[in-house]
N, C-alpha and C. Protein backbone atom coordinates (compact mmCIF):
# COMPACT_ATOMS: atom_id res chain seq x y z
N MET A 1 0.83 -1.14 -0.08
CA MET A 1 0.04 0.03 0.01
C MET A 1 0.98 1.31 0.03
N VAL A 2 0.45 2.06 -0.96
CA VAL A 2 1.30 3.39 -0.95
C VAL A 2 0.85 4.53 -0.05
N SER A 3 1.74 4.98 0.78
CA SER A 3 1.36 6.05 1.54
C SER A 3 0.82 7.31 0.97
N GLU A 4 -0.05 7.88 1.68
CA GLU A 4 -0.49 9.23 1.02
C GLU A 4 0.61 10.29 1.01
N ILE A 5 0.46 11.04 -0.10
CA ILE A 5 1.39 12.18 -0.15
C ILE A 5 1.00 13.35 0.54
N HIS A 6 1.81 14.05 1.30
CA HIS A 6 1.50 15.29 2.18
C HIS A 6 2.35 16.36 1.45
N THR A 7 1.68 17.49 1.82
CA THR A 7 2.50 18.62 1.39
C THR A 7 2.68 19.66 2.67
N ALA A 8 3.86 20.12 2.85
CA ALA A 8 3.94 21.29 3.81
C ALA A 8 4.85 22.41 3.14
N TYR A 9 4.55 23.59 3.78
CA TYR A 9 5.57 24.83 3.48
C TYR A 9 6.13 25.23 4.48
N TYR A 10 7.43 25.65 4.06
CA TYR A 10 8.47 26.03 5.04
C TYR A 10 8.90 27.50 4.67
N LYS A 11 8.85 28.36 5.53
CA LYS A 11 9.32 29.81 5.25
C LYS A 11 10.68 29.84 5.70
N SER A 12 11.63 30.01 4.60
CA SER A 12 13.04 30.07 4.67
C SER A 12 13.48 31.50 4.60
N PRO A 13 14.65 31.77 5.01
CA PRO A 13 15.20 33.19 4.74
C PRO A 13 15.28 33.55 3.28
N ILE A 14 15.06 32.55 2.48
CA ILE A 14 15.24 33.09 0.97
C ILE A 14 13.94 32.51 0.18
N GLY A 15 12.76 32.41 1.10
CA GLY A 15 11.59 32.21 0.38
C GLY A 15 10.82 31.01 0.77
N THR A 16 9.57 30.84 0.40
CA THR A 16 8.86 29.67 0.73
C THR A 16 9.30 28.57 -0.03
N ILE A 17 9.37 27.40 0.72
CA ILE A 17 9.72 26.13 0.29
C ILE A 17 8.58 25.07 0.34
N GLU A 18 8.28 24.35 -0.62
CA GLU A 18 7.19 23.44 -0.74
C GLU A 18 7.81 22.10 -0.56
N VAL A 19 7.47 21.32 0.45
CA VAL A 19 7.95 19.96 0.89
C VAL A 19 6.99 18.94 0.54
N LYS A 20 7.21 17.99 -0.16
CA LYS A 20 6.21 16.86 -0.49
C LYS A 20 6.79 15.55 -0.02
N GLY A 21 6.09 14.65 0.46
CA GLY A 21 6.42 13.29 0.87
C GLY A 21 5.50 12.41 1.48
N ASN A 22 5.61 11.43 1.99
CA ASN A 22 4.92 10.71 2.91
C ASN A 22 5.47 10.22 4.32
N SER A 23 5.01 9.48 4.93
CA SER A 23 5.31 9.23 6.34
C SER A 23 6.85 8.63 6.33
N LYS A 24 7.29 8.11 5.20
CA LYS A 24 8.52 7.39 5.18
C LYS A 24 9.78 8.07 4.31
N GLU A 25 9.24 9.03 3.53
CA GLU A 25 10.34 9.39 2.43
C GLU A 25 9.95 10.81 1.99
N ILE A 26 10.85 11.77 1.60
CA ILE A 26 10.76 13.04 0.75
C ILE A 26 10.82 12.83 -0.67
N HIS A 27 9.77 13.33 -1.46
CA HIS A 27 9.67 13.21 -2.81
C HIS A 27 10.20 14.45 -3.55
N SER A 28 9.98 15.61 -2.90
CA SER A 28 10.27 16.80 -3.48
C SER A 28 10.60 18.09 -2.65
N ILE A 29 11.19 18.95 -2.96
CA ILE A 29 11.45 20.24 -2.25
C ILE A 29 11.74 21.24 -3.16
N TYR A 30 10.76 22.19 -3.44
CA TYR A 30 11.08 23.22 -4.31
C TYR A 30 10.78 24.54 -3.82
N PHE A 31 11.39 25.53 -4.34
CA PHE A 31 11.12 27.01 -3.86
C PHE A 31 9.89 27.28 -4.75
N ILE A 32 8.85 27.91 -4.02
CA ILE A 32 7.71 28.54 -4.73
C ILE A 32 7.82 30.06 -4.62
N GLU A 33 7.21 30.60 -5.51
CA GLU A 33 6.82 32.13 -5.49
C GLU A 33 5.67 32.50 -4.99
N GLU A 34 4.60 31.77 -4.81
CA GLU A 34 3.46 32.23 -4.33
C GLU A 34 3.71 32.45 -2.79
N ASP A 35 2.90 33.45 -2.18
CA ASP A 35 2.88 33.69 -0.80
C ASP A 35 1.91 32.78 -0.04
N ILE A 36 2.31 31.78 0.67
CA ILE A 36 1.50 30.92 1.34
C ILE A 36 1.13 31.41 2.76
N SER A 37 -0.09 32.06 3.00
CA SER A 37 -0.21 32.47 4.34
C SER A 37 -0.67 31.57 5.30
N THR A 38 -1.32 30.52 4.69
CA THR A 38 -1.79 29.46 5.71
C THR A 38 -0.70 28.44 5.89
N THR A 39 -0.72 27.97 6.96
CA THR A 39 0.32 26.91 7.34
C THR A 39 -0.53 25.50 7.19
N LEU A 40 0.16 24.54 6.82
CA LEU A 40 -0.36 23.18 6.94
C LEU A 40 0.08 22.32 8.07
N GLU A 41 -0.64 21.78 9.02
CA GLU A 41 -0.14 20.87 10.11
C GLU A 41 0.51 19.80 9.52
N VAL A 42 1.85 19.58 10.01
CA VAL A 42 2.73 18.71 9.56
C VAL A 42 2.40 17.35 10.24
N THR A 43 1.89 16.42 9.69
CA THR A 43 1.56 15.14 10.38
C THR A 43 2.59 13.92 9.90
N SER A 44 3.12 14.14 8.72
CA SER A 44 3.90 13.17 8.15
C SER A 44 5.17 13.03 9.00
N GLY A 45 5.62 11.95 9.41
CA GLY A 45 6.89 11.68 10.08
C GLY A 45 8.14 12.39 9.44
N GLU A 46 8.44 11.94 8.16
CA GLU A 46 9.55 12.32 7.37
C GLU A 46 9.62 13.85 7.08
N ILE A 47 8.18 14.36 6.64
CA ILE A 47 8.08 15.71 6.49
C ILE A 47 8.58 16.59 7.65
N LYS A 48 7.90 16.06 8.80
CA LYS A 48 8.29 16.73 10.06
C LYS A 48 9.74 16.99 10.28
N LYS A 49 10.34 15.66 10.11
CA LYS A 49 11.88 15.64 10.24
C LYS A 49 12.58 16.41 9.28
N CYS A 50 12.23 16.53 8.03
CA CYS A 50 12.55 17.58 6.96
C CYS A 50 12.68 18.89 7.48
N ILE A 51 11.47 19.33 7.90
CA ILE A 51 11.34 20.65 8.32
C ILE A 51 12.15 21.06 9.49
N GLN A 52 12.35 20.29 10.44
CA GLN A 52 13.02 20.44 11.68
C GLN A 52 14.69 20.53 10.98
N GLN A 53 15.02 19.63 10.01
CA GLN A 53 16.39 19.72 9.66
C GLN A 53 16.61 20.95 8.69
N LEU A 54 15.73 21.54 8.06
CA LEU A 54 15.84 22.73 7.25
C LEU A 54 15.88 23.82 8.22
N ASP A 55 15.09 23.91 9.31
CA ASP A 55 15.44 24.85 10.24
C ASP A 55 16.89 24.78 10.96
N GLU A 56 17.30 23.83 11.09
CA GLU A 56 18.73 23.57 11.59
C GLU A 56 19.79 24.01 10.74
N TYR A 57 19.57 23.73 9.38
CA TYR A 57 20.30 24.15 8.31
C TYR A 57 20.41 25.64 8.15
N PHE A 58 19.33 26.29 8.08
CA PHE A 58 19.19 27.70 8.03
C PHE A 58 19.76 28.41 9.03
N LEU A 59 19.68 27.81 10.39
CA LEU A 59 20.29 28.40 11.58
C LEU A 59 21.71 28.24 11.62
N GLY A 60 22.34 27.39 10.71
CA GLY A 60 23.74 27.14 10.62
C GLY A 60 24.20 26.08 11.51
N ASN A 61 23.19 25.18 12.09
CA ASN A 61 23.54 24.12 12.98
C ASN A 61 23.55 22.68 12.09
N ARG A 62 23.30 22.69 10.85
CA ARG A 62 23.24 21.34 10.27
C ARG A 62 24.08 21.55 9.03
N LYS A 63 25.01 20.40 8.61
CA LYS A 63 25.73 20.37 7.55
C LYS A 63 25.29 19.21 6.75
N GLU A 64 24.65 18.29 7.29
CA GLU A 64 24.24 16.94 6.51
C GLU A 64 22.90 16.67 6.98
N PHE A 65 22.07 16.25 5.95
CA PHE A 65 20.68 15.83 6.21
C PHE A 65 20.74 14.41 6.37
N GLU A 66 19.80 14.08 7.18
CA GLU A 66 19.48 12.65 7.50
C GLU A 66 18.01 12.29 7.19
N LEU A 67 17.64 12.02 5.95
CA LEU A 67 16.39 11.88 5.57
C LEU A 67 16.38 10.83 4.54
N ASN A 68 15.17 10.20 4.45
CA ASN A 68 14.93 9.23 3.50
C ASN A 68 14.55 9.93 2.16
N LEU A 69 15.28 9.87 1.04
CA LEU A 69 14.83 10.53 -0.02
C LEU A 69 14.24 9.56 -1.25
N SER A 70 13.36 10.05 -2.01
CA SER A 70 12.72 9.34 -2.97
C SER A 70 12.62 10.09 -4.32
N PRO A 71 13.44 10.73 -4.96
CA PRO A 71 13.32 11.70 -5.95
C PRO A 71 12.67 10.63 -7.24
N ASN A 72 12.04 11.31 -8.03
CA ASN A 72 11.48 10.68 -9.08
C ASN A 72 12.29 11.19 -10.46
N GLY A 73 13.04 10.31 -11.10
CA GLY A 73 13.69 10.55 -12.11
C GLY A 73 14.21 9.32 -13.02
N THR A 74 14.88 9.67 -14.01
CA THR A 74 15.48 8.48 -14.84
C THR A 74 16.71 7.87 -14.12
N GLU A 75 17.20 6.75 -14.67
CA GLU A 75 18.40 6.21 -14.02
C GLU A 75 19.55 6.96 -14.06
N PHE A 76 19.72 7.74 -15.20
CA PHE A 76 20.90 8.52 -15.16
C PHE A 76 20.78 9.68 -14.34
N GLN A 77 19.60 10.37 -14.17
CA GLN A 77 19.44 11.54 -13.27
C GLN A 77 19.74 10.96 -11.91
N GLY A 78 19.20 9.78 -11.42
CA GLY A 78 19.46 9.21 -10.20
C GLY A 78 20.84 9.15 -9.75
N LYS A 79 21.69 8.64 -10.76
CA LYS A 79 23.10 8.56 -10.65
C LYS A 79 23.76 10.07 -10.45
N VAL A 80 23.37 11.04 -11.16
CA VAL A 80 23.88 12.49 -11.01
C VAL A 80 23.33 12.93 -9.58
N TRP A 81 22.12 12.74 -9.14
CA TRP A 81 21.77 13.11 -7.81
C TRP A 81 22.50 12.49 -6.74
N THR A 82 22.75 11.21 -6.84
CA THR A 82 23.48 10.26 -5.75
C THR A 82 25.03 11.01 -5.74
N GLU A 83 25.55 11.47 -6.96
CA GLU A 83 26.93 12.08 -7.01
C GLU A 83 26.75 13.50 -6.23
N LEU A 84 25.73 14.11 -6.43
CA LEU A 84 25.59 15.54 -5.81
C LEU A 84 25.59 15.33 -4.30
N LEU A 85 25.17 14.24 -3.71
CA LEU A 85 25.10 14.14 -2.32
C LEU A 85 26.53 13.98 -1.72
N LYS A 86 27.58 13.70 -2.58
CA LYS A 86 28.74 13.55 -2.12
C LYS A 86 29.77 14.96 -2.18
N VAL A 87 29.06 15.78 -2.77
CA VAL A 87 29.59 17.26 -2.55
C VAL A 87 29.61 17.64 -1.12
N PRO A 88 30.75 17.98 -0.47
CA PRO A 88 30.81 18.35 0.84
C PRO A 88 30.04 19.73 1.08
N PHE A 89 29.39 19.79 2.32
CA PHE A 89 28.99 21.03 2.75
C PHE A 89 30.09 22.27 2.43
N GLY A 90 29.77 23.37 2.08
CA GLY A 90 30.74 24.57 1.79
C GLY A 90 31.65 24.48 0.84
N LYS A 91 31.48 23.33 -0.06
CA LYS A 91 32.48 23.21 -1.08
C LYS A 91 31.60 23.27 -2.41
N THR A 92 32.49 23.43 -3.52
CA THR A 92 31.75 23.39 -4.90
C THR A 92 32.49 22.50 -5.78
N ARG A 93 31.74 22.21 -6.79
CA ARG A 93 32.39 21.26 -7.74
C ARG A 93 31.91 21.73 -9.23
N SER A 94 32.73 21.65 -10.20
CA SER A 94 32.22 22.08 -11.60
C SER A 94 31.38 20.99 -12.18
N TYR A 95 30.70 21.42 -13.19
CA TYR A 95 30.04 20.53 -14.07
C TYR A 95 30.89 19.43 -14.57
N LEU A 96 32.12 19.97 -15.10
CA LEU A 96 33.24 19.14 -15.78
C LEU A 96 33.57 18.05 -14.63
N GLU A 97 33.82 18.45 -13.37
CA GLU A 97 34.41 17.59 -12.45
C GLU A 97 33.24 16.60 -12.07
N GLN A 98 32.04 17.05 -12.17
CA GLN A 98 30.91 16.17 -11.92
C GLN A 98 30.90 15.14 -12.86
N SER A 99 31.08 15.55 -14.16
CA SER A 99 30.99 14.59 -15.24
C SER A 99 32.00 13.51 -15.02
N LYS A 100 33.16 13.96 -14.71
CA LYS A 100 34.27 13.02 -14.30
C LYS A 100 34.06 12.00 -13.42
N LYS A 101 33.48 12.35 -12.32
CA LYS A 101 33.15 11.73 -11.19
C LYS A 101 32.11 10.46 -11.80
N LEU A 102 31.36 10.87 -12.65
CA LEU A 102 30.36 9.86 -13.28
C LEU A 102 30.93 9.15 -14.39
N GLY A 103 32.22 9.30 -14.69
CA GLY A 103 32.90 8.49 -15.59
C GLY A 103 32.77 8.79 -17.29
N ASP A 104 32.19 10.07 -17.34
CA ASP A 104 32.01 10.37 -18.78
C ASP A 104 32.34 11.85 -18.88
N VAL A 105 33.45 12.34 -19.22
CA VAL A 105 33.90 13.82 -19.42
C VAL A 105 32.90 14.52 -20.40
N LYS A 106 32.46 13.86 -21.33
CA LYS A 106 31.60 14.34 -22.43
C LYS A 106 30.33 14.55 -21.96
N ALA A 107 29.88 14.09 -20.76
CA ALA A 107 28.41 14.12 -20.52
C ALA A 107 28.01 15.62 -19.65
N ILE A 108 28.94 16.63 -19.95
CA ILE A 108 28.65 17.80 -19.07
C ILE A 108 27.28 18.44 -19.45
N ARG A 109 26.79 18.34 -20.66
CA ARG A 109 25.36 18.90 -20.80
C ARG A 109 24.30 18.11 -20.05
N ALA A 110 24.60 16.75 -20.27
CA ALA A 110 23.59 15.77 -19.64
C ALA A 110 23.43 16.04 -18.20
N VAL A 111 24.70 16.16 -17.67
CA VAL A 111 24.88 16.25 -16.00
C VAL A 111 24.29 17.65 -15.62
N ALA A 112 24.43 18.57 -16.49
CA ALA A 112 23.86 19.96 -16.15
C ALA A 112 22.40 19.94 -16.28
N SER A 113 21.72 19.14 -17.25
CA SER A 113 20.42 18.97 -17.35
C SER A 113 19.79 18.27 -16.22
N ALA A 114 20.34 17.14 -15.79
CA ALA A 114 20.08 16.43 -14.75
C ALA A 114 19.97 17.25 -13.35
N ASN A 115 21.07 18.03 -13.28
CA ASN A 115 21.05 18.95 -12.02
C ASN A 115 19.75 19.90 -11.98
N GLY A 116 19.72 20.37 -13.18
CA GLY A 116 18.52 21.29 -13.32
C GLY A 116 17.08 20.62 -13.03
N LYS A 117 17.03 19.19 -13.06
CA LYS A 117 15.83 18.54 -12.80
C LYS A 117 15.86 18.00 -11.59
N ASN A 118 16.70 18.43 -10.69
CA ASN A 118 16.85 17.85 -9.27
C ASN A 118 15.45 18.20 -8.66
N PRO A 119 14.71 17.27 -8.08
CA PRO A 119 13.41 17.69 -7.55
C PRO A 119 13.63 17.79 -5.87
N ILE A 120 14.69 17.71 -5.36
CA ILE A 120 14.94 17.96 -3.88
C ILE A 120 15.94 18.97 -3.67
N SER A 121 15.59 20.13 -3.77
CA SER A 121 16.59 21.34 -3.62
C SER A 121 17.03 21.41 -2.20
N ILE A 122 18.25 21.96 -2.09
CA ILE A 122 19.11 22.00 -0.84
C ILE A 122 19.57 20.71 -0.34
N ILE A 123 18.66 19.82 -0.18
CA ILE A 123 19.21 18.41 0.39
C ILE A 123 19.99 17.73 -0.54
N ILE A 124 19.52 17.61 -1.74
CA ILE A 124 20.54 17.06 -2.81
C ILE A 124 21.04 18.35 -3.45
N PRO A 125 22.24 18.59 -3.07
CA PRO A 125 22.87 20.14 -3.18
C PRO A 125 23.25 20.37 -4.65
N CYS A 126 22.42 20.46 -5.50
CA CYS A 126 22.74 20.91 -6.88
C CYS A 126 23.21 22.34 -6.91
N HIS A 127 23.04 23.22 -5.86
CA HIS A 127 23.34 24.35 -5.83
C HIS A 127 25.23 24.58 -5.66
N ARG A 128 25.59 23.42 -5.36
CA ARG A 128 27.01 23.39 -5.13
C ARG A 128 27.97 23.17 -6.35
N ILE A 129 27.23 22.96 -7.57
CA ILE A 129 27.79 22.89 -8.85
C ILE A 129 27.76 24.09 -9.63
N VAL A 130 29.10 24.52 -10.16
CA VAL A 130 29.21 25.79 -10.60
C VAL A 130 29.94 25.55 -12.05
N GLY A 131 30.08 26.57 -12.78
CA GLY A 131 30.90 26.55 -13.92
C GLY A 131 32.43 26.35 -13.71
N SER A 132 33.12 25.83 -14.67
CA SER A 132 34.37 25.46 -14.54
C SER A 132 35.16 26.63 -14.27
N ASP A 133 34.72 28.01 -14.47
CA ASP A 133 35.56 29.20 -14.03
C ASP A 133 35.11 29.66 -12.76
N GLY A 134 34.23 28.92 -12.00
CA GLY A 134 33.62 29.25 -10.63
C GLY A 134 32.38 30.18 -10.66
N SER A 135 31.99 30.45 -12.13
CA SER A 135 30.72 31.19 -12.05
C SER A 135 29.50 30.48 -11.62
N LEU A 136 28.56 31.27 -11.19
CA LEU A 136 27.31 30.58 -10.68
C LEU A 136 26.35 30.62 -11.75
N THR A 137 26.26 29.42 -12.40
CA THR A 137 25.36 29.24 -13.62
C THR A 137 24.02 28.95 -13.15
N GLY A 138 22.97 28.68 -13.74
CA GLY A 138 21.67 28.39 -13.56
C GLY A 138 21.34 27.50 -12.28
N TYR A 139 20.32 27.91 -11.63
CA TYR A 139 19.69 27.19 -10.47
C TYR A 139 18.11 27.17 -10.55
N ALA A 140 17.49 26.27 -10.47
CA ALA A 140 16.04 26.32 -10.72
C ALA A 140 15.33 27.37 -9.57
N GLY A 141 15.88 27.47 -8.55
CA GLY A 141 15.39 28.42 -7.47
C GLY A 141 15.74 29.87 -7.74
N GLY A 142 16.67 30.05 -8.69
CA GLY A 142 17.03 31.35 -8.99
C GLY A 142 18.59 31.51 -8.62
N VAL A 143 19.47 32.07 -9.36
CA VAL A 143 20.89 32.27 -9.21
C VAL A 143 21.09 32.88 -7.83
N TRP A 144 20.15 33.99 -7.63
CA TRP A 144 20.41 34.71 -6.34
C TRP A 144 20.35 33.81 -5.02
N ARG A 145 19.36 32.65 -5.20
CA ARG A 145 19.40 31.77 -4.02
C ARG A 145 20.52 30.77 -4.05
N LYS A 146 20.97 30.47 -5.05
CA LYS A 146 22.18 29.67 -5.10
C LYS A 146 23.39 30.53 -4.65
N LYS A 147 23.62 31.59 -4.78
CA LYS A 147 24.62 32.44 -4.31
C LYS A 147 24.46 32.70 -2.72
N TRP A 148 23.22 32.79 -2.25
CA TRP A 148 22.85 32.94 -0.92
C TRP A 148 23.17 31.65 -0.22
N LEU A 149 22.80 30.39 -0.72
CA LEU A 149 23.12 29.23 -0.21
C LEU A 149 24.45 28.86 0.02
N LEU A 150 25.40 29.17 -1.15
CA LEU A 150 26.84 29.05 -0.95
C LEU A 150 27.39 29.90 0.04
N GLU A 151 27.16 31.19 0.10
CA GLU A 151 27.55 32.03 1.14
C GLU A 151 27.27 31.50 2.59
N HIS A 152 26.06 31.07 2.66
CA HIS A 152 25.54 30.56 3.81
C HIS A 152 26.31 29.37 4.31
N GLU A 153 26.68 28.49 3.45
CA GLU A 153 27.37 27.30 3.78
C GLU A 153 29.03 27.66 4.02
N ASN A 154 29.40 28.91 3.54
CA ASN A 154 30.66 29.33 3.78
C ASN A 154 30.93 30.17 4.98
N GLY A 155 29.80 30.30 5.89
CA GLY A 155 29.84 31.20 6.92
C GLY A 155 29.75 32.65 6.82
N ASN A 156 29.33 33.10 5.51
CA ASN A 156 29.12 34.54 5.33
C ASN A 156 27.81 34.91 5.86
N LYS A 157 27.89 35.88 6.61
CA LYS A 157 26.53 36.38 7.15
C LYS A 157 25.64 37.03 6.37
N GLN A 158 24.46 36.72 6.14
CA GLN A 158 23.55 37.42 5.37
C GLN A 158 22.37 38.00 6.05
N GLN A 159 21.76 39.16 5.69
CA GLN A 159 20.60 39.54 6.46
C GLN A 159 19.45 38.94 5.87
N SER A 160 18.49 38.78 6.85
CA SER A 160 17.41 37.90 6.39
C SER A 160 16.52 38.78 5.14
N LEU A 161 15.89 37.98 4.30
CA LEU A 161 15.27 38.73 3.17
C LEU A 161 13.86 39.08 3.52
N PHE A 162 13.35 38.50 4.75
CA PHE A 162 12.02 38.72 5.07
C PHE A 162 11.80 40.04 5.81
C-alpha cells in the first residue's frame, strides 16, 4: 500500500519552500513564488523531520541531512543526484568535475540537465555545482538563491530577506 502524499510549506530566509512526501520519504522540495499565508499542520513523520532539519540548516547548525529521499527521475538522473550528495557542505564542484566523477567527461550537458531537474533542492545540493571558471550558472530556484546558499555554507552572514 502506497502512503498518502502530504505537502508542507516552510518559510526560509530565501523564500517559501514546498515539501512533499509521505510518512517514510521525501519526494520533492521546491522553492515556490506564491505567498502561502496558511500553514499546513505537518503530520507526516519524514516531512516533520525534514522541516526540523531545514530549520537547523538555515540556523547554521546542520551540515548534512539525514532523511529518506525518493526523487522521481531516470536512471541517469538518479546517478547524478547520488553523486551530488557526495559534494561536501561549503564546497563546490564544476559540471566538468561532476561529469568526470560519473565516468564520462563528455556528459557535461547531460549532467547539467540532470542537475536542473533535481526535485529535492538544498538536500540534494545541486546549488554546489558551478561553472568551470567558478561562475554561478543556472539554478532552478534562481541564481540569487544559489549565491545565498553558497555564502551561507561558507559562513558568510547575510541579512534575512523577510
